[in-house]
């Protein structure tokens, strides 16, 4: 998915459907467009897509040193569910996070 501003791509998000959740592989906003809510808009769009696909969870991974990014996702309802270690490393390199999403249009 992409988000445009005045005809220019301002940000994008890549996601993959897994059997029981939608996985966000990358969410990026160009520096000029940051702090304008574009990241949140893209995140909500993926969450809506998960619901549209009949999935109730969205997952992502954040590199361990990126405390501010982890805090960003925590503030949007994501919780840490585990750690992952990239090949070649002895210590965990990624915090796996997940959010339960629900269809708010019904009932």
Protein backbone atom coordinates (compact mmCIF):
# COMPACT_ATOMS: atom_id res chain seq x y z
CA UNK A 1 0.00 0.00 0.00
CA UNK A 2 1.12 3.54 -0.61
CA UNK A 3 0.05 6.90 0.76
CA UNK A 4 0.28 9.87 -1.56
CA UNK A 5 0.42 13.58 -0.87
CA UNK A 6 -0.27 15.92 -3.79
CA UNK A 7 0.57 13.18 -6.30
CA UNK A 8 3.85 12.13 -4.66
CA UNK A 9 4.37 8.93 -2.70
CA UNK A 10 4.81 9.94 0.94
CA UNK A 11 4.94 6.49 2.53
CA UNK A 12 4.31 2.82 2.01
CA UNK A 13 3.72 -0.42 3.86
CA UNK A 14 4.46 -3.97 2.75
CA UNK A 15 2.46 -6.79 4.24
CA UNK A 16 2.05 -10.54 3.74
CA UNK A 17 -0.94 -12.69 4.51
CA UNK A 18 -0.06 -15.63 6.72
CA UNK A 19 -2.58 -18.37 7.60
CA UNK A 20 -3.70 -16.77 10.88
CA UNK A 21 -2.43 -13.18 10.75
CA UNK A 22 -1.26 -10.35 8.50
CA UNK A 23 2.48 -9.66 8.78
CA UNK A 24 3.85 -6.16 8.24
CA UNK A 25 7.27 -6.51 6.66
CA UNK A 26 8.08 -2.83 6.35
CA UNK A 27 6.39 0.52 6.99
CA UNK A 28 8.20 3.65 5.82
CA UNK A 29 7.42 7.35 5.52
CA UNK A 30 9.73 9.72 3.67
CA UNK A 31 11.42 12.22 6.03
CA UNK A 32 9.62 15.26 4.58
CA UNK A 33 6.24 13.70 5.41
CA UNK A 34 6.95 12.38 8.89
CA UNK A 35 4.98 13.57 11.93
CA UNK A 36 1.88 14.16 9.80
CA UNK A 37 0.02 10.96 10.69
CA UNK A 38 0.90 9.06 7.53
CA UNK A 39 2.46 6.13 9.39
CA UNK A 40 -0.66 5.78 11.52
CA UNK A 41 -2.86 5.96 8.44
CA UNK A 42 -0.90 3.19 6.77
CA UNK A 43 -0.96 1.09 9.93
CA UNK A 44 -4.75 1.46 10.24
CA UNK A 45 -5.13 0.54 6.57
CA UNK A 46 -3.26 -2.74 7.11
CA UNK A 47 -5.34 -3.44 10.22
CA UNK A 48 -8.54 -2.88 8.21
CA UNK A 49 -7.18 -5.14 5.47
CA UNK A 50 -6.63 -7.90 8.03
CA UNK A 51 -10.24 -7.59 9.18
CA UNK A 52 -11.43 -7.60 5.54
CA UNK A 53 -9.52 -10.85 5.03
CA UNK A 54 -11.14 -12.39 8.12
CA UNK A 55 -7.97 -12.23 10.21
CA UNK A 56 -7.93 -10.99 13.78
CA UNK A 57 -4.22 -10.35 14.27
CA UNK A 58 -1.50 -8.17 12.76
CA UNK A 59 2.16 -8.91 13.51
CA UNK A 60 5.43 -7.13 12.92
CA UNK A 61 9.02 -7.15 14.09
CA UNK A 62 11.10 -4.28 15.46
CA UNK A 63 14.87 -4.41 15.82
CA UNK A 64 15.77 -4.47 19.50
CA UNK A 65 17.81 -1.23 19.57
CA UNK A 66 14.89 0.81 18.18
CA UNK A 67 13.20 1.70 21.48
CA UNK A 68 11.31 4.69 20.06
CA UNK A 69 9.85 2.61 17.25
CA UNK A 70 8.80 -0.09 19.69
CA UNK A 71 7.15 2.61 21.84
CA UNK A 72 5.34 3.88 18.73
CA UNK A 73 3.78 0.48 18.14
CA UNK A 74 3.03 -0.02 21.84
CA UNK A 75 1.09 3.26 21.81
CA UNK A 76 -0.99 1.90 18.95
CA UNK A 77 -2.01 -1.28 20.76
CA UNK A 78 0.73 -3.70 19.75
CA UNK A 79 2.26 -5.92 22.43
CA UNK A 80 5.53 -7.83 22.50
CA UNK A 81 4.96 -11.54 21.97
CA UNK A 82 8.51 -12.83 21.66
CA UNK A 83 12.04 -12.41 20.41
CA UNK A 84 13.71 -13.53 17.20
CA UNK A 85 17.38 -14.03 16.41
CA UNK A 86 18.68 -13.38 12.91
CA UNK A 87 21.03 -15.94 11.43
CA UNK A 88 24.61 -15.34 12.49
CA UNK A 89 23.72 -13.67 15.80
CA UNK A 90 23.84 -15.23 19.25
CA UNK A 91 21.47 -12.80 20.96
CA UNK A 92 17.91 -11.89 19.90
CA UNK A 93 17.83 -9.10 17.33
CA UNK A 94 14.08 -8.49 16.89
CA UNK A 95 11.09 -8.01 19.17
CA UNK A 96 8.01 -9.62 17.61
CA UNK A 97 4.83 -7.61 18.24
CA UNK A 98 1.16 -8.28 17.64
CA UNK A 99 -2.17 -6.52 17.77
CA UNK A 100 -5.63 -8.06 17.87
CA UNK A 101 -7.91 -6.28 15.43
CA UNK A 102 -11.68 -6.49 15.31
CA UNK A 103 -14.41 -5.51 12.89
CA UNK A 104 -15.92 -2.39 14.50
CA UNK A 105 -18.55 -1.95 11.79
CA UNK A 106 -20.70 -4.81 13.02
CA UNK A 107 -22.72 -4.56 16.18
